[in-house]
All heavy atoms as atom14 arrays in JSON, in Angstrom:
{
  "sequence": "DDHKDFDCNTLQPGCTNVCFDHFFPVSHIRLWALQLIMVT",
  "atom14_mask": [
    [1, 1, 1, 1, 1, 1, 1, 1, 0, 0, 0, 0, 0, 0],
    [1, 1, 1, 1, 1, 1, 1, 1, 0, 0, 0, 0, 0, 0],
    [1, 1, 1, 1, 1, 1, 1, 1, 1, 1, 0, 0, 0, 0],
    [1, 1, 1, 1, 1, 1, 1, 1, 1, 0, 0, 0, 0, 0],
    [1, 1, 1, 1, 1, 1, 1, 1, 0, 0, 0, 0, 0, 0],
    [1, 1, 1, 1, 1, 1, 1, 1, 1, 1, 1, 0, 0, 0],
    [1, 1, 1, 1, 1, 1, 1, 1, 0, 0, 0, 0, 0, 0],
    [1, 1, 1, 1, 1, 1, 0, 0, 0, 0, 0, 0, 0, 0],
    [1, 1, 1, 1, 1, 1, 1, 1, 0, 0, 0, 0, 0, 0],
    [1, 1, 1, 1, 1, 1, 1, 0, 0, 0, 0, 0, 0, 0],
    [1, 1, 1, 1, 1, 1, 1, 1, 0, 0, 0, 0, 0, 0],
    [1, 1, 1, 1, 1, 1, 1, 1, 1, 0, 0, 0, 0, 0],
    [1, 1, 1, 1, 1, 1, 1, 0, 0, 0, 0, 0, 0, 0],
    [1, 1, 1, 1, 0, 0, 0, 0, 0, 0, 0, 0, 0, 0],
    [1, 1, 1, 1, 1, 1, 0, 0, 0, 0, 0, 0, 0, 0],
    [1, 1, 1, 1, 1, 1, 1, 0, 0, 0, 0, 0, 0, 0],
    [1, 1, 1, 1, 1, 1, 1, 1, 0, 0, 0, 0, 0, 0],
    [1, 1, 1, 1, 1, 1, 1, 0, 0, 0, 0, 0, 0, 0],
    [1, 1, 1, 1, 1, 1, 0, 0, 0, 0, 0, 0, 0, 0],
    [1, 1, 1, 1, 1, 1, 1, 1, 1, 1, 1, 0, 0, 0],
    [1, 1, 1, 1, 1, 1, 1, 1, 0, 0, 0, 0, 0, 0],
    [1, 1, 1, 1, 1, 1, 1, 1, 1, 1, 0, 0, 0, 0],
    [1, 1, 1, 1, 1, 1, 1, 1, 1, 1, 1, 0, 0, 0],
    [1, 1, 1, 1, 1, 1, 1, 1, 1, 1, 1, 0, 0, 0],
    [1, 1, 1, 1, 1, 1, 1, 0, 0, 0, 0, 0, 0, 0],
    [1, 1, 1, 1, 1, 1, 1, 0, 0, 0, 0, 0, 0, 0],
    [1, 1, 1, 1, 1, 1, 0, 0, 0, 0, 0, 0, 0, 0],
    [1, 1, 1, 1, 1, 1, 1, 1, 1, 1, 0, 0, 0, 0],
    [1, 1, 1, 1, 1, 1, 1, 1, 0, 0, 0, 0, 0, 0],
    [1, 1, 1, 1, 1, 1, 1, 1, 1, 1, 1, 0, 0, 0],
    [1, 1, 1, 1, 1, 1, 1, 1, 0, 0, 0, 0, 0, 0],
    [1, 1, 1, 1, 1, 1, 1, 1, 1, 1, 1, 1, 1, 1],
    [1, 1, 1, 1, 1, 0, 0, 0, 0, 0, 0, 0, 0, 0],
    [1, 1, 1, 1, 1, 1, 1, 1, 0, 0, 0, 0, 0, 0],
    [1, 1, 1, 1, 1, 1, 1, 1, 1, 0, 0, 0, 0, 0],
    [1, 1, 1, 1, 1, 1, 1, 1, 0, 0, 0, 0, 0, 0],
    [1, 1, 1, 1, 1, 1, 1, 1, 0, 0, 0, 0, 0, 0],
    [1, 1, 1, 1, 1, 1, 1, 1, 0, 0, 0, 0, 0, 0],
    [1, 1, 1, 1, 1, 1, 1, 0, 0, 0, 0, 0, 0, 0],
    [1, 1, 1, 1, 1, 1, 1, 0, 0, 0, 0, 0, 0, 0]
  ],
  "atom14_positions": [
    [[0.82, -1.21, -0.01], [-0.06, 0.03, 0.06], [0.81, 1.31, -0.01], [0.37, 2.34, 0.43], [-0.92, -0.02, 1.24], [-0.15, -0.03, 2.5], [1.09, -0.26, 2.47], [-0.81, 0.08, 3.62], [0.0, 0.0, 0.0], [0.0, 0.0, 0.0], [0.0, 0.0, 0.0], [0.0, 0.0, 0.0], [0.0, 0.0, 0.0], [0.0, 0.0, 0.0]],
    [[2.16, 1.13, -0.42], [3.04, 2.35, -0.3], [2.6, 3.46, -1.15], [2.63, 4.64, -0.73], [4.48, 1.91, -0.59], [4.6, 1.24, -1.95], [3.47, 1.03, -2.57], [5.76, 1.06, -2.48], [0.0, 0.0, 0.0], [0.0, 0.0, 0.0], [0.0, 0.0, 0.0], [0.0, 0.0, 0.0], [0.0, 0.0, 0.0], [0.0, 0.0, 0.0]],
    [[2.03, 3.27, -2.31], [1.58, 4.34, -3.18], [0.18, 4.85, -2.76], [0.0, 6.06, -2.65], [1.57, 3.93, -4.62], [1.19, 5.06, -5.54], [-0.14, 5.31, -5.94], [1.97, 5.96, -6.13], [-0.13, 6.38, -6.69], [1.15, 6.82, -6.87], [0.0, 0.0, 0.0], [0.0, 0.0, 0.0], [0.0, 0.0, 0.0], [0.0, 0.0, 0.0]],
    [[-0.62, 3.99, -2.39], [-2.01, 4.31, -2.03], [-2.1, 5.19, -0.81], [-2.84, 6.09, -0.61], [-2.85, 3.05, -1.88], [-4.35, 3.37, -1.49], [-5.13, 2.06, -1.32], [-4.58, 1.27, -0.11], [-5.48, 0.09, 0.16], [0.0, 0.0, 0.0], [0.0, 0.0, 0.0], [0.0, 0.0, 0.0], [0.0, 0.0, 0.0], [0.0, 0.0, 0.0]],
    [[-1.15, 4.83, 0.2], [-1.18, 5.54, 1.51], [-0.11, 6.55, 1.58], [0.24, 7.02, 2.7], [-0.99, 4.48, 2.64], [-2.18, 3.6, 2.73], [-3.36, 3.95, 2.25], [-2.16, 2.48, 3.26], [0.0, 0.0, 0.0], [0.0, 0.0, 0.0], [0.0, 0.0, 0.0], [0.0, 0.0, 0.0], [0.0, 0.0, 0.0], [0.0, 0.0, 0.0]],
    [[0.46, 7.03, 0.42], [1.44, 8.08, 0.41], [0.64, 9.39, 0.29], [0.13, 9.78, -0.72], [2.35, 7.91, -0.76], [3.43, 8.98, -0.8], [4.6, 8.88, 0.04], [3.31, 10.05, -1.66], [5.6, 9.76, -0.06], [4.38, 11.02, -1.77], [5.46, 10.94, -0.95], [0.0, 0.0, 0.0], [0.0, 0.0, 0.0], [0.0, 0.0, 0.0]],
    [[0.41, 10.07, 1.47], [-0.47, 11.16, 1.6], [0.35, 12.52, 1.6], [1.31, 12.66, 2.3], [-1.2, 11.1, 2.89], [-2.22, 9.98, 2.88], [-2.68, 9.58, 1.79], [-2.52, 9.37, 4.01], [0.0, 0.0, 0.0], [0.0, 0.0, 0.0], [0.0, 0.0, 0.0], [0.0, 0.0, 0.0], [0.0, 0.0, 0.0], [0.0, 0.0, 0.0]],
    [[-0.18, 13.46, 0.76], [0.41, 14.81, 0.68], [-0.58, 15.8, 0.99], [-1.84, 15.63, 0.67], [1.0, 15.09, -0.73], [2.43, 14.02, -1.15], [0.0, 0.0, 0.0], [0.0, 0.0, 0.0], [0.0, 0.0, 0.0], [0.0, 0.0, 0.0], [0.0, 0.0, 0.0], [0.0, 0.0, 0.0], [0.0, 0.0, 0.0], [0.0, 0.0, 0.0]],
    [[-0.27, 16.84, 1.69], [-1.34, 17.91, 2.14], [-1.71, 18.89, 0.97], [-1.45, 20.08, 1.14], [-0.85, 18.57, 3.41], [0.45, 19.32, 3.19], [1.08, 19.14, 2.21], [0.79, 20.05, 4.16], [0.0, 0.0, 0.0], [0.0, 0.0, 0.0], [0.0, 0.0, 0.0], [0.0, 0.0, 0.0], [0.0, 0.0, 0.0], [0.0, 0.0, 0.0]],
    [[-1.97, 18.38, -0.15], [-2.36, 19.12, -1.3], [-3.37, 18.37, -2.2], [-3.35, 17.11, -2.22], [-1.19, 19.56, -2.14], [-1.66, 20.38, -3.22], [-0.45, 18.4, -2.73], [0.0, 0.0, 0.0], [0.0, 0.0, 0.0], [0.0, 0.0, 0.0], [0.0, 0.0, 0.0], [0.0, 0.0, 0.0], [0.0, 0.0, 0.0], [0.0, 0.0, 0.0]],
    [[-4.24, 19.09, -2.9], [-5.11, 18.47, -3.8], [-4.74, 18.75, -5.28], [-5.51, 18.45, -6.2], [-6.59, 18.91, -3.57], [-7.27, 18.64, -2.12], [-8.58, 19.26, -2.05], [-7.25, 17.14, -2.03], [0.0, 0.0, 0.0], [0.0, 0.0, 0.0], [0.0, 0.0, 0.0], [0.0, 0.0, 0.0], [0.0, 0.0, 0.0], [0.0, 0.0, 0.0]],
    [[-3.53, 19.38, -5.47], [-3.01, 19.67, -6.82], [-2.89, 18.33, -7.56], [-2.15, 17.39, -7.22], [-1.71, 20.36, -6.68], [-1.12, 20.64, -8.03], [-1.89, 21.67, -8.91], [-2.48, 22.64, -8.23], [-1.88, 21.58, -10.1], [0.0, 0.0, 0.0], [0.0, 0.0, 0.0], [0.0, 0.0, 0.0], [0.0, 0.0, 0.0], [0.0, 0.0, 0.0]],
    [[-3.59, 18.16, -8.73], [-3.49, 16.91, -9.49], [-1.98, 16.74, -9.97], [-1.37, 17.69, -10.45], [-4.37, 17.28, -10.75], [-5.3, 18.34, -10.27], [-4.52, 19.2, -9.29], [0.0, 0.0, 0.0], [0.0, 0.0, 0.0], [0.0, 0.0, 0.0], [0.0, 0.0, 0.0], [0.0, 0.0, 0.0], [0.0, 0.0, 0.0], [0.0, 0.0, 0.0]],
    [[-1.53, 15.57, -9.82], [-0.27, 15.08, -10.17], [0.83, 15.32, -9.24], [1.92, 14.75, -9.27], [0.0, 0.0, 0.0], [0.0, 0.0, 0.0], [0.0, 0.0, 0.0], [0.0, 0.0, 0.0], [0.0, 0.0, 0.0], [0.0, 0.0, 0.0], [0.0, 0.0, 0.0], [0.0, 0.0, 0.0], [0.0, 0.0, 0.0], [0.0, 0.0, 0.0]],
    [[0.66, 16.14, -8.21], [1.7, 16.48, -7.22], [2.05, 15.22, -6.37], [3.2, 14.97, -6.22], [1.21, 17.65, -6.26], [2.43, 18.02, -4.96], [0.0, 0.0, 0.0], [0.0, 0.0, 0.0], [0.0, 0.0, 0.0], [0.0, 0.0, 0.0], [0.0, 0.0, 0.0], [0.0, 0.0, 0.0], [0.0, 0.0, 0.0], [0.0, 0.0, 0.0]],
    [[1.07, 14.53, -5.86], [1.39, 13.26, -5.09], [2.15, 12.24, -5.9], [3.08, 11.66, -5.43], [0.04, 12.7, -4.54], [-0.63, 13.66, -3.79], [0.3, 11.43, -3.71], [0.0, 0.0, 0.0], [0.0, 0.0, 0.0], [0.0, 0.0, 0.0], [0.0, 0.0, 0.0], [0.0, 0.0, 0.0], [0.0, 0.0, 0.0], [0.0, 0.0, 0.0]],
    [[1.8, 12.07, -7.18], [2.42, 11.06, -7.95], [3.95, 11.44, -8.23], [4.79, 10.63, -8.26], [1.68, 10.96, -9.34], [0.41, 10.23, -9.18], [0.15, 9.44, -8.28], [-0.51, 10.45, -10.09], [0.0, 0.0, 0.0], [0.0, 0.0, 0.0], [0.0, 0.0, 0.0], [0.0, 0.0, 0.0], [0.0, 0.0, 0.0], [0.0, 0.0, 0.0]],
    [[4.09, 12.76, -8.56], [5.49, 13.21, -8.81], [6.36, 13.05, -7.51], [7.48, 12.64, -7.61], [5.38, 14.66, -9.3], [6.87, 15.31, -9.27], [4.81, 14.73, -10.67], [0.0, 0.0, 0.0], [0.0, 0.0, 0.0], [0.0, 0.0, 0.0], [0.0, 0.0, 0.0], [0.0, 0.0, 0.0], [0.0, 0.0, 0.0], [0.0, 0.0, 0.0]],
    [[5.82, 13.42, -6.39], [6.63, 13.33, -5.12], [6.84, 11.86, -4.76], [7.93, 11.59, -4.3], [5.81, 14.0, -4.01], [5.7, 15.82, -4.2], [0.0, 0.0, 0.0], [0.0, 0.0, 0.0], [0.0, 0.0, 0.0], [0.0, 0.0, 0.0], [0.0, 0.0, 0.0], [0.0, 0.0, 0.0], [0.0, 0.0, 0.0], [0.0, 0.0, 0.0]],
    [[5.84, 10.99, -5.05], [6.15, 9.62, -4.75], [7.19, 8.99, -5.58], [8.02, 8.24, -5.14], [4.8, 8.82, -4.92], [4.82, 7.4, -4.65], [4.85, 6.85, -3.36], [5.17, 6.48, -5.68], [4.97, 5.49, -3.08], [5.32, 5.13, -5.46], [5.25, 4.63, -4.11], [0.0, 0.0, 0.0], [0.0, 0.0, 0.0], [0.0, 0.0, 0.0]],
    [[7.13, 9.33, -6.92], [8.17, 8.93, -7.84], [9.51, 9.4, -7.46], [10.53, 8.7, -7.6], [7.82, 9.35, -9.23], [8.8, 8.8, -10.19], [8.86, 7.54, -10.43], [9.62, 9.63, -10.85], [0.0, 0.0, 0.0], [0.0, 0.0, 0.0], [0.0, 0.0, 0.0], [0.0, 0.0, 0.0], [0.0, 0.0, 0.0], [0.0, 0.0, 0.0]],
    [[9.56, 10.64, -6.87], [10.92, 11.16, -6.5], [11.54, 10.51, -5.27], [12.71, 10.22, -5.2], [10.73, 12.73, -6.21], [12.01, 13.34, -5.71], [13.08, 13.61, -6.58], [12.39, 13.85, -4.48], [14.01, 14.26, -5.88], [13.61, 14.35, -4.62], [0.0, 0.0, 0.0], [0.0, 0.0, 0.0], [0.0, 0.0, 0.0], [0.0, 0.0, 0.0]],
    [[10.66, 10.17, -4.31], [11.17, 9.67, -2.98], [11.16, 8.04, -3.14], [11.93, 7.42, -2.31], [10.27, 10.05, -1.88], [10.46, 11.49, -1.57], [9.53, 12.41, -1.81], [11.64, 11.95, -0.97], [9.71, 13.81, -1.55], [11.81, 13.28, -0.6], [10.81, 14.19, -0.97], [0.0, 0.0, 0.0], [0.0, 0.0, 0.0], [0.0, 0.0, 0.0]],
    [[10.44, 7.47, -3.95], [10.44, 6.02, -4.19], [10.76, 5.71, -5.71], [9.9, 5.28, -6.41], [9.06, 5.36, -3.81], [8.86, 5.42, -2.32], [8.23, 6.52, -1.73], [9.24, 4.36, -1.56], [7.98, 6.48, -0.37], [8.99, 4.4, -0.15], [8.39, 5.47, 0.4], [0.0, 0.0, 0.0], [0.0, 0.0, 0.0], [0.0, 0.0, 0.0]],
    [[11.98, 5.98, -6.2], [12.26, 5.78, -7.59], [12.08, 4.28, -8.02], [11.63, 3.96, -9.19], [13.74, 6.15, -7.7], [14.31, 6.15, -6.32], [13.08, 6.52, -5.41], [0.0, 0.0, 0.0], [0.0, 0.0, 0.0], [0.0, 0.0, 0.0], [0.0, 0.0, 0.0], [0.0, 0.0, 0.0], [0.0, 0.0, 0.0], [0.0, 0.0, 0.0]],
    [[12.35, 3.37, -7.13], [12.15, 1.94, -7.36], [11.65, 1.45, -6.01], [12.19, 1.65, -4.95], [13.46, 1.22, -7.73], [13.17, -0.19, -8.05], [14.04, 1.89, -9.04], [0.0, 0.0, 0.0], [0.0, 0.0, 0.0], [0.0, 0.0, 0.0], [0.0, 0.0, 0.0], [0.0, 0.0, 0.0], [0.0, 0.0, 0.0], [0.0, 0.0, 0.0]],
    [[10.67, 0.55, -6.19], [10.09, -0.03, -4.88], [11.04, -1.08, -4.32], [11.76, -1.75, -5.03], [8.79, -0.83, -5.33], [8.33, -1.52, -4.22], [0.0, 0.0, 0.0], [0.0, 0.0, 0.0], [0.0, 0.0, 0.0], [0.0, 0.0, 0.0], [0.0, 0.0, 0.0], [0.0, 0.0, 0.0], [0.0, 0.0, 0.0], [0.0, 0.0, 0.0]],
    [[11.0, -1.06, -2.99], [11.89, -2.06, -2.19], [11.63, -3.47, -2.68], [12.55, -4.2, -2.9], [11.62, -1.9, -0.72], [12.24, -0.73, -0.03], [11.77, 0.55, -0.32], [13.25, -0.67, 0.84], [12.6, 1.45, 0.41], [13.45, 0.72, 1.1], [0.0, 0.0, 0.0], [0.0, 0.0, 0.0], [0.0, 0.0, 0.0], [0.0, 0.0, 0.0]],
    [[10.35, -3.86, -2.71], [9.99, -5.23, -3.02], [10.39, -5.65, -4.36], [10.85, -6.82, -4.64], [8.53, -5.57, -2.73], [7.6, -4.59, -3.59], [8.18, -5.39, -1.34], [6.05, -4.99, -3.51], [0.0, 0.0, 0.0], [0.0, 0.0, 0.0], [0.0, 0.0, 0.0], [0.0, 0.0, 0.0], [0.0, 0.0, 0.0], [0.0, 0.0, 0.0]],
    [[10.42, -4.69, -5.39], [10.81, -5.06, -6.72], [12.31, -5.2, -6.82], [12.87, -6.11, -7.47], [10.34, -4.07, -7.72], [8.83, -4.04, -7.9], [8.3, -2.93, -8.92], [6.9, -3.02, -9.05], [5.97, -2.41, -8.3], [6.39, -1.67, -7.25], [4.7, -2.54, -8.51], [0.0, 0.0, 0.0], [0.0, 0.0, 0.0], [0.0, 0.0, 0.0]],
    [[13.03, -4.38, -6.08], [14.47, -4.47, -6.01], [14.88, -5.86, -5.33], [15.84, -6.55, -5.81], [15.07, -3.34, -5.29], [15.35, -2.05, -6.14], [15.91, -0.97, -5.22], [16.34, -2.31, -7.21], [0.0, 0.0, 0.0], [0.0, 0.0, 0.0], [0.0, 0.0, 0.0], [0.0, 0.0, 0.0], [0.0, 0.0, 0.0], [0.0, 0.0, 0.0]],
    [[14.14, -6.12, -4.18], [14.51, -7.43, -3.55], [14.11, -8.61, -4.42], [14.81, -9.58, -4.43], [13.7, -7.41, -2.21], [14.26, -6.64, -1.21], [15.6, -6.37, -0.9], [13.63, -6.06, -0.04], [15.78, -5.69, 0.17], [14.58, -5.36, 0.71], [12.29, -5.88, 0.32], [14.25, -4.67, 1.87], [11.9, -5.12, 1.37], [12.94, -4.56, 2.18]],
    [[13.02, -8.53, -5.24], [12.71, -9.62, -6.11], [13.79, -9.8, -7.16], [14.22, -10.99, -7.48], [11.32, -9.39, -6.74], [0.0, 0.0, 0.0], [0.0, 0.0, 0.0], [0.0, 0.0, 0.0], [0.0, 0.0, 0.0], [0.0, 0.0, 0.0], [0.0, 0.0, 0.0], [0.0, 0.0, 0.0], [0.0, 0.0, 0.0], [0.0, 0.0, 0.0]],
    [[14.2, -8.71, -7.78], [15.24, -8.85, -8.77], [16.57, -9.34, -8.12], [17.27, -10.09, -8.7], [15.54, -7.4, -9.37], [16.61, -7.35, -10.52], [16.33, -8.26, -11.56], [16.8, -5.94, -10.9], [0.0, 0.0, 0.0], [0.0, 0.0, 0.0], [0.0, 0.0, 0.0], [0.0, 0.0, 0.0], [0.0, 0.0, 0.0], [0.0, 0.0, 0.0]],
    [[16.86, -8.89, -6.89], [18.1, -9.34, -6.14], [17.97, -10.83, -5.93], [19.01, -11.58, -6.16], [18.2, -8.58, -4.91], [19.47, -8.95, -4.05], [19.54, -8.16, -2.8], [18.7, -7.42, -2.46], [20.61, -8.36, -2.04], [0.0, 0.0, 0.0], [0.0, 0.0, 0.0], [0.0, 0.0, 0.0], [0.0, 0.0, 0.0], [0.0, 0.0, 0.0]],
    [[16.84, -11.41, -5.43], [16.81, -12.81, -5.19], [16.83, -13.59, -6.44], [17.4, -14.68, -6.44], [15.4, -13.05, -4.44], [15.27, -12.5, -2.97], [13.84, -12.68, -2.42], [16.21, -13.39, -2.16], [0.0, 0.0, 0.0], [0.0, 0.0, 0.0], [0.0, 0.0, 0.0], [0.0, 0.0, 0.0], [0.0, 0.0, 0.0], [0.0, 0.0, 0.0]],
    [[16.25, -13.07, -7.54], [16.45, -13.81, -8.74], [17.82, -13.93, -9.24], [18.33, -15.0, -9.56], [15.55, -13.12, -9.87], [14.06, -13.27, -9.58], [15.86, -13.76, -11.26], [13.15, -12.45, -10.49], [0.0, 0.0, 0.0], [0.0, 0.0, 0.0], [0.0, 0.0, 0.0], [0.0, 0.0, 0.0], [0.0, 0.0, 0.0], [0.0, 0.0, 0.0]],
    [[18.53, -12.81, -9.18], [19.96, -12.78, -9.69], [20.83, -13.61, -8.71], [21.83, -14.05, -9.24], [20.36, -11.34, -9.86], [19.62, -10.54, -10.91], [20.38, -8.97, -11.23], [21.95, -9.37, -11.94], [0.0, 0.0, 0.0], [0.0, 0.0, 0.0], [0.0, 0.0, 0.0], [0.0, 0.0, 0.0], [0.0, 0.0, 0.0], [0.0, 0.0, 0.0]],
    [[20.62, -13.52, -7.49], [21.54, -14.23, -6.55], [21.36, -15.71, -6.49], [22.25, -16.47, -6.08], [21.31, -13.57, -5.07], [20.2, -14.33, -4.36], [22.67, -13.69, -4.33], [0.0, 0.0, 0.0], [0.0, 0.0, 0.0], [0.0, 0.0, 0.0], [0.0, 0.0, 0.0], [0.0, 0.0, 0.0], [0.0, 0.0, 0.0], [0.0, 0.0, 0.0]],
    [[20.17, -16.22, -6.98], [19.96, -17.65, -7.09], [20.32, -18.23, -8.43], [20.48, -19.49, -8.51], [18.54, -18.02, -6.68], [17.64, -17.22, -7.48], [18.24, -17.69, -5.23], [0.0, 0.0, 0.0], [0.0, 0.0, 0.0], [0.0, 0.0, 0.0], [0.0, 0.0, 0.0], [0.0, 0.0, 0.0], [0.0, 0.0, 0.0], [0.0, 0.0, 0.0]]
  ]
}
């Protein structure tokens, strides 16, 4: 729920998505999934 529950105190369209992408460029779980695949 990291994207759904990433709350910003603004209603400006697109602001929340841009800020989320800036602070979460790649999701932890996707990086861990790629890491586990490559390490095995």
